[in-house]
Amino acid sequence: MMNKIDLINFFTLHCSDIEGVSEQEVDNFLELYSLNLRSEHRNFLINYGNSKKLISQGFTDCSFKKFKDYYIRHYNNSYENDVIASQEIVPNNTVFFGLGFSDMLCIENDSGGIYMMIKKLIY
């Protein structure tokens, strides 16, 4: 069985667009919205947050931009975002991680488990 570090190393060796986000930008955004992330989630955003091919494919998007879009949309009702148009809210004790096949992915704060929330569209 491959451990998490080996899997990350495998993917990063085979991905040509590894691009992170500055610590300052991530930390400023977290402070602005009073968000507390698990250290590995923060490090993920810093190390890979702008890597298009690694974390954004088809209907999946776990980029720092998508992370910011969710919280900007959630805290600022005048912000328009067609991808996050269903007004979903992450459950208590979780943090938004990204979108997976158009469903929302959340990280559970205590365990670090990643969960998929099926969107409920508002008509």
PDB file of N, CA and C in Angstrom:
ATOM      1  N   MET A   1       0.842  -1.180   0.000  1.00  0.00           N
ATOM      2  CA  MET A   1       0.000   0.000   0.000  1.00  0.00           C
ATOM      3  C   MET A   1       0.889   1.245   0.000  1.00  0.00           C
ATOM      4  N   MET A   2       0.563   2.212  -0.851  1.00  0.00           N
ATOM      5  CA  MET A   2       1.344   3.432  -0.971  1.00  0.00           C
ATOM      6  C   MET A   2       0.901   4.432   0.094  1.00  0.00           C
ATOM      7  N   ASN A   3       1.852   5.026   0.799  1.00  0.00           N
ATOM      8  CA  ASN A   3       1.465   6.025   1.792  1.00  0.00           C
ATOM      9  C   ASN A   3       1.260   7.392   1.126  1.00  0.00           C
ATOM     10  N   LYS A   4       0.734   8.324   1.886  1.00  0.00           N
ATOM     11  CA  LYS A   4       0.357   9.635   1.353  1.00  0.00           C
ATOM     12  C   LYS A   4       1.555  10.378   0.749  1.00  0.00           C
ATOM     13  N   ILE A   5       2.684  10.365   1.417  1.00  0.00           N
ATOM     14  CA  ILE A   5       3.875  11.080   0.944  1.00  0.00           C
ATOM     15  C   ILE A   5       4.357  10.504  -0.377  1.00  0.00           C
ATOM     16  N   ASP A   6       4.395   9.171  -0.486  1.00  0.00           N
ATOM     17  CA  ASP A   6       4.809   8.534  -1.741  1.00  0.00           C
ATOM     18  C   ASP A   6       3.854   8.881  -2.872  1.00  0.00           C
ATOM     19  N   LEU A   7       2.576   8.915  -2.579  1.00  0.00           N
ATOM     20  CA  LEU A   7       1.580   9.248  -3.594  1.00  0.00           C
ATOM     21  C   LEU A   7       1.748  10.699  -4.058  1.00  0.00           C
ATOM     22  N   ILE A   8       1.944  11.616  -3.127  1.00  0.00           N
ATOM     23  CA  ILE A   8       2.163  13.023  -3.490  1.00  0.00           C
ATOM     24  C   ILE A   8       3.427  13.156  -4.336  1.00  0.00           C
ATOM     25  N   ASN A   9       4.496  12.493  -3.920  1.00  0.00           N
ATOM     26  CA  ASN A   9       5.743  12.546  -4.688  1.00  0.00           C
ATOM     27  C   ASN A   9       5.557  11.981  -6.091  1.00  0.00           C
ATOM     28  N   PHE A  10       4.806  10.892  -6.221  1.00  0.00           N
ATOM     29  CA  PHE A  10       4.541  10.301  -7.541  1.00  0.00           C
ATOM     30  C   PHE A  10       3.820  11.298  -8.445  1.00  0.00           C
ATOM     31  N   PHE A  11       2.731  11.909  -7.930  1.00  0.00           N
ATOM     32  CA  PHE A  11       1.970  12.850  -8.750  1.00  0.00           C
ATOM     33  C   PHE A  11       2.787  14.090  -9.107  1.00  0.00           C
ATOM     34  N   THR A  12       3.544  14.614  -8.152  1.00  0.00           N
ATOM     35  CA  THR A  12       4.296  15.840  -8.430  1.00  0.00           C
ATOM     36  C   THR A  12       5.440  15.595  -9.407  1.00  0.00           C
ATOM     37  N   LEU A  13       6.021  14.389  -9.422  1.00  0.00           N
ATOM     38  CA  LEU A  13       7.062  14.067 -10.390  1.00  0.00           C
ATOM     39  C   LEU A  13       6.524  14.014 -11.815  1.00  0.00           C
ATOM     40  N   HIS A  14       5.241  13.681 -11.945  1.00  0.00           N
ATOM     41  CA  HIS A  14       4.642  13.519 -13.261  1.00  0.00           C
ATOM     42  C   HIS A  14       3.739  14.682 -13.662  1.00  0.00           C
ATOM     43  N   CYS A  15       3.840  15.771 -12.965  1.00  0.00           N
ATOM     44  CA  CYS A  15       3.014  16.938 -13.263  1.00  0.00           C
ATOM     45  C   CYS A  15       3.933  18.116 -13.543  1.00  0.00           C
ATOM     46  N   SER A  16       3.756  18.731 -14.693  1.00  0.00           N
ATOM     47  CA  SER A  16       4.683  19.779 -15.118  1.00  0.00           C
ATOM     48  C   SER A  16       4.298  21.177 -14.654  1.00  0.00           C
ATOM     49  N   ASP A  17       3.186  21.343 -14.019  1.00  0.00           N
ATOM     50  CA  ASP A  17       2.732  22.712 -13.697  1.00  0.00           C
ATOM     51  C   ASP A  17       2.632  22.997 -12.202  1.00  0.00           C
ATOM     52  N   ILE A  18       3.474  22.390 -11.390  1.00  0.00           N
ATOM     53  CA  ILE A  18       3.393  22.603  -9.938  1.00  0.00           C
ATOM     54  C   ILE A  18       3.606  24.088  -9.652  1.00  0.00           C
ATOM     55  N   GLU A  19       2.586  24.696  -9.078  1.00  0.00           N
ATOM     56  CA  GLU A  19       2.666  26.119  -8.745  1.00  0.00           C
ATOM     57  C   GLU A  19       1.900  26.358  -7.455  1.00  0.00           C
ATOM     58  N   GLY A  20       2.584  26.890  -6.486  1.00  0.00           N
ATOM     59  CA  GLY A  20       1.971  27.160  -5.196  1.00  0.00           C
ATOM     60  C   GLY A  20       1.450  28.577  -5.083  1.00  0.00           C
ATOM     61  N   VAL A  21       1.108  28.929  -3.866  1.00  0.00           N
ATOM     62  CA  VAL A  21       0.616  30.261  -3.518  1.00  0.00           C
ATOM     63  C   VAL A  21       1.521  30.739  -2.381  1.00  0.00           C
ATOM     64  N   SER A  22       1.826  32.020  -2.345  1.00  0.00           N
ATOM     65  CA  SER A  22       2.713  32.509  -1.284  1.00  0.00           C
ATOM     66  C   SER A  22       2.058  32.326   0.083  1.00  0.00           C
ATOM     67  N   GLU A  23       2.885  32.045   1.075  1.00  0.00           N
ATOM     68  CA  GLU A  23       2.389  31.902   2.440  1.00  0.00           C
ATOM     69  C   GLU A  23       1.648  33.163   2.873  1.00  0.00           C
ATOM     70  N   GLN A  24       2.185  34.309   2.500  1.00  0.00           N
ATOM     71  CA  GLN A  24       1.581  35.591   2.875  1.00  0.00           C
ATOM     72  C   GLN A  24       0.155  35.703   2.321  1.00  0.00           C
ATOM     73  N   GLU A  25      -0.036  35.323   1.051  1.00  0.00           N
ATOM     74  CA  GLU A  25      -1.366  35.417   0.447  1.00  0.00           C
ATOM     75  C   GLU A  25      -2.350  34.478   1.137  1.00  0.00           C
ATOM     76  N   VAL A  26      -1.919  33.246   1.383  1.00  0.00           N
ATOM     77  CA  VAL A  26      -2.791  32.279   2.063  1.00  0.00           C
ATOM     78  C   VAL A  26      -3.120  32.771   3.464  1.00  0.00           C
ATOM     79  N   ASP A  27      -2.104  33.150   4.225  1.00  0.00           N
ATOM     80  CA  ASP A  27      -2.326  33.576   5.605  1.00  0.00           C
ATOM     81  C   ASP A  27      -3.174  34.843   5.695  1.00  0.00           C
ATOM     82  N   ASN A  28      -2.975  35.777   4.771  1.00  0.00           N
ATOM     83  CA  ASN A  28      -3.794  36.998   4.759  1.00  0.00           C
ATOM     84  C   ASN A  28      -5.265  36.666   4.516  1.00  0.00           C
ATOM     85  N   PHE A  29      -5.527  35.744   3.597  1.00  0.00           N
ATOM     86  CA  PHE A  29      -6.908  35.365   3.309  1.00  0.00           C
ATOM     87  C   PHE A  29      -7.530  34.653   4.511  1.00  0.00           C
ATOM     88  N   LEU A  30      -6.783  33.737   5.131  1.00  0.00           N
ATOM     89  CA  LEU A  30      -7.288  33.018   6.299  1.00  0.00           C
ATOM     90  C   LEU A  30      -7.610  33.983   7.431  1.00  0.00           C
ATOM     91  N   GLU A  31      -6.760  34.980   7.624  1.00  0.00           N
ATOM     92  CA  GLU A  31      -6.998  35.965   8.674  1.00  0.00           C
ATOM     93  C   GLU A  31      -8.206  36.843   8.342  1.00  0.00           C
ATOM     94  N   LEU A  32      -8.323  37.255   7.085  1.00  0.00           N
ATOM     95  CA  LEU A  32      -9.433  38.109   6.662  1.00  0.00           C
ATOM     96  C   LEU A  32     -10.779  37.455   6.944  1.00  0.00           C
ATOM     97  N   TYR A  33     -10.882  36.133   6.726  1.00  0.00           N
ATOM     98  CA  TYR A  33     -12.146  35.420   6.914  1.00  0.00           C
ATOM     99  C   TYR A  33     -12.180  34.598   8.203  1.00  0.00           C
ATOM    100  N   SER A  34     -11.205  34.809   9.075  1.00  0.00           N
ATOM    101  CA  SER A  34     -11.133  34.108  10.368  1.00  0.00           C
ATOM    102  C   SER A  34     -11.248  32.594  10.202  1.00  0.00           C
ATOM    103  N   LEU A  35     -10.460  32.046   9.292  1.00  0.00           N
ATOM    104  CA  LEU A  35     -10.490  30.611   9.005  1.00  0.00           C
ATOM    105  C   LEU A  35      -9.308  29.918   9.659  1.00  0.00           C
ATOM    106  N   ASN A  36      -9.572  28.783  10.267  1.00  0.00           N
ATOM    107  CA  ASN A  36      -8.524  27.941  10.834  1.00  0.00           C
ATOM    108  C   ASN A  36      -8.460  26.667  10.011  1.00  0.00           C
ATOM    109  N   LEU A  37      -7.294  26.397   9.424  1.00  0.00           N
ATOM    110  CA  LEU A  37      -7.108  25.194   8.613  1.00  0.00           C
ATOM    111  C   LEU A  37      -6.166  24.237   9.322  1.00  0.00           C
ATOM    112  N   ARG A  38      -6.350  22.967   9.032  1.00  0.00           N
ATOM    113  CA  ARG A  38      -5.354  21.984   9.450  1.00  0.00           C
ATOM    114  C   ARG A  38      -4.042  22.338   8.752  1.00  0.00           C
ATOM    115  N   SER A  39      -2.932  22.066   9.379  1.00  0.00           N
ATOM    116  CA  SER A  39      -1.636  22.452   8.811  1.00  0.00           C
ATOM    117  C   SER A  39      -1.402  21.822   7.435  1.00  0.00           C
ATOM    118  N   GLU A  40      -1.843  20.569   7.250  1.00  0.00           N
ATOM    119  CA  GLU A  40      -1.630  19.945   5.941  1.00  0.00           C
ATOM    120  C   GLU A  40      -2.499  20.587   4.847  1.00  0.00           C
ATOM    121  N   HIS A  41      -3.660  21.106   5.199  1.00  0.00           N
ATOM    122  CA  HIS A  41      -4.497  21.799   4.218  1.00  0.00           C
ATOM    123  C   HIS A  41      -3.840  23.128   3.828  1.00  0.00           C
ATOM    124  N   ARG A  42      -3.358  23.873   4.822  1.00  0.00           N
ATOM    125  CA  ARG A  42      -2.645  25.132   4.558  1.00  0.00           C
ATOM    126  C   ARG A  42      -1.426  24.854   3.680  1.00  0.00           C
ATOM    127  N   ASN A  43      -0.641  23.831   4.026  1.00  0.00           N
ATOM    128  CA  ASN A  43       0.544  23.488   3.238  1.00  0.00           C
ATOM    129  C   ASN A  43       0.186  23.058   1.829  1.00  0.00           C
ATOM    130  N   PHE A  44      -0.912  22.345   1.670  1.00  0.00           N
ATOM    131  CA  PHE A  44      -1.390  21.953   0.339  1.00  0.00           C
ATOM    132  C   PHE A  44      -1.642  23.191  -0.514  1.00  0.00           C
ATOM    133  N   LEU A  45      -2.344  24.174   0.042  1.00  0.00           N
ATOM    134  CA  LEU A  45      -2.624  25.404  -0.709  1.00  0.00           C
ATOM    135  C   LEU A  45      -1.337  26.140  -1.056  1.00  0.00           C
ATOM    136  N   ILE A  46      -0.407  26.206  -0.118  1.00  0.00           N
ATOM    137  CA  ILE A  46       0.861  26.894  -0.360  1.00  0.00           C
ATOM    138  C   ILE A  46       1.689  26.168  -1.422  1.00  0.00           C
ATOM    139  N   ASN A  47       1.749  24.857  -1.359  1.00  0.00           N
ATOM    140  CA  ASN A  47       2.590  24.091  -2.287  1.00  0.00           C
ATOM    141  C   ASN A  47       1.965  23.844  -3.651  1.00  0.00           C
ATOM    142  N   TYR A  48       0.634  23.686  -3.718  1.00  0.00           N
ATOM    143  CA  TYR A  48      -0.004  23.253  -4.965  1.00  0.00           C
ATOM    144  C   TYR A  48      -1.211  24.104  -5.378  1.00  0.00           C
ATOM    145  N   GLY A  49      -1.529  25.149  -4.641  1.00  0.00           N
ATOM    146  CA  GLY A  49      -2.783  25.884  -4.809  1.00  0.00           C
ATOM    147  C   GLY A  49      -3.073  26.478  -6.164  1.00  0.00           C
ATOM    148  N   ASN A  50      -2.045  26.667  -7.004  1.00  0.00           N
ATOM    149  CA  ASN A  50      -2.280  27.197  -8.362  1.00  0.00           C
ATOM    150  C   ASN A  50      -1.879  26.213  -9.448  1.00  0.00           C
ATOM    151  N   SER A  51      -1.758  24.938  -9.130  1.00  0.00           N
ATOM    152  CA  SER A  51      -1.333  23.911 -10.092  1.00  0.00           C
ATOM    153  C   SER A  51      -2.533  23.442 -10.903  1.00  0.00           C
ATOM    154  N   LYS A  52      -2.709  23.991 -12.064  1.00  0.00           N
ATOM    155  CA  LYS A  52      -3.909  23.725 -12.867  1.00  0.00           C
ATOM    156  C   LYS A  52      -4.107  22.235 -13.168  1.00  0.00           C
ATOM    157  N   LYS A  53      -3.113  21.574 -13.721  1.00  0.00           N
ATOM    158  CA  LYS A  53      -3.282  20.177 -14.131  1.00  0.00           C
ATOM    159  C   LYS A  53      -3.363  19.223 -12.948  1.00  0.00           C
ATOM    160  N   LEU A  54      -2.704  19.556 -11.848  1.00  0.00           N
ATOM    161  CA  LEU A  54      -2.668  18.653 -10.701  1.00  0.00           C
ATOM    162  C   LEU A  54      -3.972  18.666  -9.911  1.00  0.00           C
ATOM    163  N   ILE A  55      -4.579  19.842  -9.732  1.00  0.00           N
ATOM    164  CA  ILE A  55      -5.747  19.931  -8.849  1.00  0.00           C
ATOM    165  C   ILE A  55      -6.986  20.513  -9.508  1.00  0.00           C
ATOM    166  N   SER A  56      -6.943  20.750 -10.827  1.00  0.00           N
ATOM    167  CA  SER A  56      -8.110  21.261 -11.554  1.00  0.00           C
ATOM    168  C   SER A  56      -8.238  20.508 -12.871  1.00  0.00           C
ATOM    169  N   GLN A  57      -9.181  19.596 -12.938  1.00  0.00           N
ATOM    170  CA  GLN A  57      -9.414  18.826 -14.148  1.00  0.00           C
ATOM    171  C   GLN A  57     -10.906  18.593 -14.324  1.00  0.00           C
ATOM    172  N   GLY A  58     -11.411  18.863 -15.497  1.00  0.00           N
ATOM    173  CA  GLY A  58     -12.829  18.614 -15.762  1.00  0.00           C
ATOM    174  C   GLY A  58     -13.718  19.320 -14.757  1.00  0.00           C
ATOM    175  N   PHE A  59     -14.482  18.537 -13.996  1.00  0.00           N
ATOM    176  CA  PHE A  59     -15.399  19.096 -13.011  1.00  0.00           C
ATOM    177  C   PHE A  59     -14.765  19.234 -11.624  1.00  0.00           C
ATOM    178  N   THR A  60     -13.495  18.862 -11.493  1.00  0.00           N
ATOM    179  CA  THR A  60     -12.830  18.910 -10.196  1.00  0.00           C
ATOM    180  C   THR A  60     -11.972  20.166 -10.089  1.00  0.00           C
ATOM    181  N   ASP A  61     -12.058  20.845  -8.966  1.00  0.00           N
ATOM    182  CA  ASP A  61     -11.250  22.050  -8.752  1.00  0.00           C
ATOM    183  C   ASP A  61     -10.966  22.199  -7.262  1.00  0.00           C
ATOM    184  N   CYS A  62      -9.726  21.961  -6.873  1.00  0.00           N
ATOM    185  CA  CYS A  62      -9.300  22.114  -5.480  1.00  0.00           C
ATOM    186  C   CYS A  62      -8.238  23.201  -5.375  1.00  0.00           C
ATOM    187  N   SER A  63      -8.337  24.209  -6.228  1.00  0.00           N
ATOM    188  CA  SER A  63      -7.355  25.289  -6.269  1.00  0.00           C
ATOM    189  C   SER A  63      -7.603  26.313  -5.162  1.00  0.00           C
ATOM    190  N   PHE A  64      -6.598  27.151  -4.925  1.00  0.00           N
ATOM    191  CA  PHE A  64      -6.743  28.234  -3.960  1.00  0.00           C
ATOM    192  C   PHE A  64      -7.803  29.216  -4.447  1.00  0.00           C
ATOM    193  N   LYS A  65      -7.896  29.416  -5.766  1.00  0.00           N
ATOM    194  CA  LYS A  65      -8.929  30.307  -6.311  1.00  0.00           C
ATOM    195  C   LYS A  65     -10.324  29.801  -5.958  1.00  0.00           C
ATOM    196  N   LYS A  66     -10.571  28.507  -6.109  1.00  0.00           N
ATOM    197  CA  LYS A  66     -11.885  27.947  -5.784  1.00  0.00           C
ATOM    198  C   LYS A  66     -12.143  28.042  -4.282  1.00  0.00           C
ATOM    199  N   PHE A  67     -11.120  27.806  -3.471  1.00  0.00           N
ATOM    200  CA  PHE A  67     -11.229  27.947  -2.024  1.00  0.00           C
ATOM    201  C   PHE A  67     -11.653  29.385  -1.687  1.00  0.00           C
ATOM    202  N   LYS A  68     -10.961  30.360  -2.278  1.00  0.00           N
ATOM    203  CA  LYS A  68     -11.308  31.768  -2.034  1.00  0.00           C
ATOM    204  C   LYS A  68     -12.709  32.078  -2.544  1.00  0.00           C
ATOM    205  N   ASP A  69     -13.055  31.596  -3.723  1.00  0.00           N
ATOM    206  CA  ASP A  69     -14.387  31.858  -4.296  1.00  0.00           C
ATOM    207  C   ASP A  69     -15.493  31.400  -3.352  1.00  0.00           C
ATOM    208  N   TYR A  70     -15.294  30.214  -2.743  1.00  0.00           N
ATOM    209  CA  TYR A  70     -16.323  29.713  -1.826  1.00  0.00           C
ATOM    210  C   TYR A  70     -16.517  30.682  -0.660  1.00  0.00           C
ATOM    211  N   TYR A  71     -15.441  31.085  -0.007  1.00  0.00           N
ATOM    212  CA  TYR A  71     -15.568  31.940   1.174  1.00  0.00           C
ATOM    213  C   TYR A  71     -15.981  33.363   0.825  1.00  0.00           C
ATOM    214  N   ILE A  72     -15.553  33.868  -0.309  1.00  0.00           N
ATOM    215  CA  ILE A  72     -16.010  35.193  -0.738  1.00  0.00           C
ATOM    216  C   ILE A  72     -17.510  35.142  -0.997  1.00  0.00           C
ATOM    217  N   ARG A  73     -17.960  34.103  -1.665  1.00  0.00           N
ATOM    218  CA  ARG A  73     -19.396  33.930  -1.961  1.00  0.00           C
ATOM    219  C   ARG A  73     -20.195  33.788  -0.669  1.00  0.00           C
ATOM    220  N   HIS A  74     -19.668  33.005   0.263  1.00  0.00           N
ATOM    221  CA  HIS A  74     -20.376  32.732   1.511  1.00  0.00           C
ATOM    222  C   HIS A  74     -20.499  33.985   2.380  1.00  0.00           C
ATOM    223  N   TYR A  75     -19.471  34.800   2.401  1.00  0.00           N
ATOM    224  CA  TYR A  75     -19.475  35.964   3.282  1.00  0.00           C
ATOM    225  C   TYR A  75     -19.931  37.251   2.601  1.00  0.00           C
ATOM    226  N   ASN A  76     -20.036  37.249   1.287  1.00  0.00           N
ATOM    227  CA  ASN A  76     -20.389  38.458   0.555  1.00  0.00           C
ATOM    228  C   ASN A  76     -21.493  38.124  -0.447  1.00  0.00           C
ATOM    229  N   ASN A  77     -22.724  38.358  -0.080  1.00  0.00           N
ATOM    230  CA  ASN A  77     -23.862  37.960  -0.922  1.00  0.00           C
ATOM    231  C   ASN A  77     -23.899  38.645  -2.270  1.00  0.00           C
ATOM    232  N   SER A  78     -23.202  39.763  -2.442  1.00  0.00           N
ATOM    233  CA  SER A  78     -23.236  40.442  -3.731  1.00  0.00           C
ATOM    234  C   SER A  78     -22.271  39.807  -4.735  1.00  0.00           C
ATOM    235  N   TYR A  79     -21.388  38.923  -4.272  1.00  0.00           N
ATOM    236  CA  TYR A  79     -20.430  38.278  -5.167  1.00  0.00           C
ATOM    237  C   TYR A  79     -21.145  37.218  -6.004  1.00  0.00           C
ATOM    238  N   GLU A  80     -20.937  37.232  -7.303  1.00  0.00           N
ATOM    239  CA  GLU A  80     -21.584  36.257  -8.188  1.00  0.00           C
ATOM    240  C   GLU A  80     -20.578  35.205  -8.629  1.00  0.00           C
ATOM    241  N   ASN A  81     -20.951  33.952  -8.537  1.00  0.00           N
ATOM    242  CA  ASN A  81     -20.109  32.850  -8.975  1.00  0.00           C
ATOM    243  C   ASN A  81     -21.025  31.739  -9.477  1.00  0.00           C
ATOM    244  N   ASP A  82     -21.016  31.513 -10.789  1.00  0.00           N
ATOM    245  CA  ASP A  82     -21.909  30.528 -11.384  1.00  0.00           C
ATOM    246  C   ASP A  82     -21.643  29.104 -10.905  1.00  0.00           C
ATOM    247  N   VAL A  83     -20.393  28.761 -10.607  1.00  0.00           N
ATOM    248  CA  VAL A  83     -20.061  27.393 -10.200  1.00  0.00           C
ATOM    249  C   VAL A  83     -20.601  27.094  -8.818  1.00  0.00           C
ATOM    250  N   ILE A  84     -20.599  28.086  -7.923  1.00  0.00           N
ATOM    251  CA  ILE A  84     -21.093  27.874  -6.559  1.00  0.00           C
ATOM    252  C   ILE A  84     -22.417  28.617  -6.423  1.00  0.00           C
ATOM    253  N   ALA A  85     -23.366  28.278  -7.273  1.00  0.00           N
ATOM    254  CA  ALA A  85     -24.631  29.006  -7.318  1.00  0.00           C
ATOM    255  C   ALA A  85     -25.708  28.361  -6.461  1.00  0.00           C
ATOM    256  N   SER A  86     -25.421  27.236  -5.845  1.00  0.00           N
ATOM    257  CA  SER A  86     -26.476  26.538  -5.114  1.00  0.00           C
ATOM    258  C   SER A  86     -26.536  26.895  -3.633  1.00  0.00           C
ATOM    259  N   GLN A  87     -25.743  27.885  -3.187  1.00  0.00           N
ATOM    260  CA  GLN A  87     -25.786  28.359  -1.800  1.00  0.00           C
ATOM    261  C   GLN A  87     -25.466  27.266  -0.781  1.00  0.00           C
ATOM    262  N   GLU A  88     -24.565  26.338  -1.134  1.00  0.00           N
ATOM    263  CA  GLU A  88     -24.221  25.292  -0.172  1.00  0.00           C
ATOM    264  C   GLU A  88     -23.400  25.872   0.969  1.00  0.00           C
ATOM    265  N   ILE A  89     -23.536  25.280   2.117  1.00  0.00           N
ATOM    266  CA  ILE A  89     -22.814  25.688   3.312  1.00  0.00           C
ATOM    267  C   ILE A  89     -22.084  24.459   3.848  1.00  0.00           C
ATOM    268  N   VAL A  90     -20.801  24.601   4.161  1.00  0.00           N
ATOM    269  CA  VAL A  90     -20.067  23.457   4.706  1.00  0.00           C
ATOM    270  C   VAL A  90     -20.629  23.113   6.080  1.00  0.00           C
ATOM    271  N   PRO A  91     -20.688  21.835   6.415  1.00  0.00           N
ATOM    272  CA  PRO A  91     -21.196  21.429   7.734  1.00  0.00           C
ATOM    273  C   PRO A  91     -20.304  21.945   8.859  1.00  0.00           C
ATOM    274  N   ASN A  92     -20.848  21.999  10.062  1.00  0.00           N
ATOM    275  CA  ASN A  92     -20.064  22.385  11.229  1.00  0.00           C
ATOM    276  C   ASN A  92     -18.846  21.482  11.348  1.00  0.00           C
ATOM    277  N   ASN A  93     -17.758  22.046  11.835  1.00  0.00           N
ATOM    278  CA  ASN A  93     -16.513  21.341  12.065  1.00  0.00           C
ATOM    279  C   ASN A  93     -15.840  20.855  10.780  1.00  0.00           C
ATOM    280  N   THR A  94     -16.139  21.503   9.654  1.00  0.00           N
ATOM    281  CA  THR A  94     -15.463  21.204   8.398  1.00  0.00           C
ATOM    282  C   THR A  94     -15.038  22.512   7.739  1.00  0.00           C
ATOM    283  N   VAL A  95     -14.164  22.380   6.736  1.00  0.00           N
ATOM    284  CA  VAL A  95     -13.692  23.508   5.946  1.00  0.00           C
ATOM    285  C   VAL A  95     -13.820  23.117   4.480  1.00  0.00           C
ATOM    286  N   PHE A  96     -14.189  24.064   3.644  1.00  0.00           N
ATOM    287  CA  PHE A  96     -14.286  23.834   2.206  1.00  0.00           C
ATOM    288  C   PHE A  96     -12.913  23.430   1.669  1.00  0.00           C
ATOM    289  N   PHE A  97     -12.883  22.395   0.813  1.00  0.00           N
ATOM    290  CA  PHE A  97     -11.638  21.964   0.183  1.00  0.00           C
ATOM    291  C   PHE A  97     -11.659  22.210  -1.322  1.00  0.00           C
ATOM    292  N   GLY A  98     -12.781  21.934  -1.959  1.00  0.00           N
ATOM    293  CA  GLY A  98     -12.867  22.124  -3.404  1.00  0.00           C
ATOM    294  C   GLY A  98     -14.132  21.494  -3.948  1.00  0.00           C
ATOM    295  N   LEU A  99     -14.171  21.400  -5.268  1.00  0.00           N
ATOM    296  CA  LEU A  99     -15.291  20.751  -5.940  1.00  0.00           C
ATOM    297  C   LEU A  99     -14.801  19.472  -6.590  1.00  0.00           C
ATOM    298  N   GLY A 100     -15.591  18.414  -6.478  1.00  0.00           N
ATOM    299  CA  GLY A 100     -15.263  17.145  -7.105  1.00  0.00           C
ATOM    300  C   GLY A 100     -16.447  16.674  -7.910  1.00  0.00           C
ATOM    301  N   PHE A 101     -16.324  16.639  -9.226  1.00  0.00           N
ATOM    302  CA  PHE A 101     -17.416  16.241 -10.101  1.00  0.00           C
ATOM    303  C   PHE A 101     -18.684  17.021  -9.773  1.00  0.00           C
ATOM    304  N   SER A 102     -18.519  18.296  -9.516  1.00  0.00           N
ATOM    305  CA  SER A 102     -19.567  19.289  -9.220  1.00  0.00           C
ATOM    306  C   SER A 102     -20.166  19.156  -7.820  1.00  0.00           C
ATOM    307  N   ASP A 103     -19.700  18.217  -7.009  1.00  0.00           N
ATOM    308  CA  ASP A 103     -20.118  18.135  -5.611  1.00  0.00           C
ATOM    309  C   ASP A 103     -19.033  18.769  -4.742  1.00  0.00           C
ATOM    310  N   MET A 104     -19.415  19.318  -3.605  1.00  0.00           N
ATOM    311  CA  MET A 104     -18.487  20.014  -2.750  1.00  0.00           C
ATOM    312  C   MET A 104     -17.694  19.033  -1.887  1.00  0.00           C
ATOM    313  N   LEU A 105     -16.380  19.294  -1.759  1.00  0.00           N
ATOM    314  CA  LEU A 105     -15.510  18.505  -0.902  1.00  0.00           C
ATOM    315  C   LEU A 105     -15.179  19.328   0.340  1.00  0.00           C
ATOM    316  N   CYS A 106     -15.255  18.694   1.515  1.00  0.00           N
ATOM    317  CA  CYS A 106     -14.979  19.363   2.783  1.00  0.00           C
ATOM    318  C   CYS A 106     -13.975  18.533   3.563  1.00  0.00           C
ATOM    319  N   ILE A 107     -13.135  19.217   4.359  1.00  0.00           N
ATOM    320  CA  ILE A 107     -12.204  18.542   5.250  1.00  0.00           C
ATOM    321  C   ILE A 107     -12.744  18.632   6.667  1.00  0.00           C
ATOM    322  N   GLU A 108     -12.869  17.496   7.314  1.00  0.00           N
ATOM    323  CA  GLU A 108     -13.328  17.454   8.703  1.00  0.00           C
ATOM    324  C   GLU A 108     -12.164  17.889   9.589  1.00  0.00           C
ATOM    325  N   ASN A 109     -12.395  18.889  10.431  1.00  0.00           N
ATOM    326  CA  ASN A 109     -11.320  19.522  11.206  1.00  0.00           C
ATOM    327  C   ASN A 109     -10.584  18.563  12.129  1.00  0.00           C
ATOM    328  N   ASP A 110     -11.270  17.666  12.811  1.00  0.00           N
ATOM    329  CA  ASP A 110     -10.618  16.795  13.791  1.00  0.00           C
ATOM    330  C   ASP A 110      -9.831  15.665  13.135  1.00  0.00           C
ATOM    331  N   SER A 111     -10.463  14.931  12.228  1.00  0.00           N
ATOM    332  CA  SER A 111      -9.828  13.743  11.656  1.00  0.00           C
ATOM    333  C   SER A 111      -9.004  14.047  10.406  1.00  0.00           C
ATOM    334  N   GLY A 112      -9.334  15.137   9.694  1.00  0.00           N
ATOM    335  CA  GLY A 112      -8.668  15.429   8.426  1.00  0.00           C
ATOM    336  C   GLY A 112      -9.267  14.670   7.262  1.00  0.00           C
ATOM    337  N   GLY A 113     -10.345  13.922   7.510  1.00  0.00           N
ATOM    338  CA  GLY A 113     -11.003  13.188   6.437  1.00  0.00           C
ATOM    339  C   GLY A 113     -11.651  14.135   5.441  1.00  0.00           C
ATOM    340  N   ILE A 114     -11.653  13.736   4.177  1.00  0.00           N
ATOM    341  CA  ILE A 114     -12.283  14.541   3.129  1.00  0.00           C
ATOM    342  C   ILE A 114     -13.614  13.904   2.780  1.00  0.00           C
ATOM    343  N   TYR A 115     -14.667  14.718   2.787  1.00  0.00           N
ATOM    344  CA  TYR A 115     -16.020  14.247   2.541  1.00  0.00           C
ATOM    345  C   TYR A 115     -16.635  14.983   1.365  1.00  0.00           C
ATOM    346  N   MET A 116     -17.500  14.303   0.637  1.00  0.00           N
ATOM    347  CA  MET A 116     -18.206  14.900  -0.484  1.00  0.00           C
ATOM    348  C   MET A 116     -19.631  15.223  -0.047  1.00  0.00           C
ATOM    349  N   MET A 117     -20.041  16.456  -0.294  1.00  0.00           N
ATOM    350  CA  MET A 117     -21.422  16.870  -0.032  1.00  0.00           C
ATOM    351  C   MET A 117     -22.140  17.008  -1.357  1.00  0.00           C
ATOM    352  N   ILE A 118     -23.242  16.333  -1.506  1.00  0.00           N
ATOM    353  CA  ILE A 118     -24.012  16.442  -2.738  1.00  0.00           C
ATOM    354  C   ILE A 118     -24.797  17.743  -2.696  1.00  0.00           C
ATOM    355  N   LYS A 119     -24.689  18.497  -3.789  1.00  0.00           N
ATOM    356  CA  LYS A 119     -25.347  19.793  -3.851  1.00  0.00           C
ATOM    357  C   LYS A 119     -26.862  19.651  -3.878  1.00  0.00           C
ATOM    358  N   LYS A 120     -27.510  20.591  -3.231  1.00  0.00           N
ATOM    359  CA  LYS A 120     -28.955  20.711  -3.313  1.00  0.00           C
ATOM    360  C   LYS A 120     -29.220  21.985  -4.099  1.00  0.00           C
ATOM    361  N   LEU A 121     -29.704  21.846  -5.302  1.00  0.00           N
ATOM    362  CA  LEU A 121     -29.941  23.005  -6.131  1.00  0.00           C
ATOM    363  C   LEU A 121     -31.207  23.731  -5.694  1.00  0.00           C
ATOM    364  N   ILE A 122     -31.163  25.039  -5.722  1.00  0.00           N
ATOM    365  CA  ILE A 122     -32.292  25.865  -5.369  1.00  0.00           C
ATOM    366  C   ILE A 122     -32.959  26.302  -6.661  1.00  0.00           C
ATOM    367  N   TYR A 123     -34.242  26.008  -6.794  1.00  0.00           N
ATOM    368  CA  TYR A 123     -34.972  26.401  -8.005  1.00  0.00           C
ATOM    369  C   TYR A 123     -35.990  27.471  -7.677  1.00  0.00           C
TER     370      TYR A 123
END
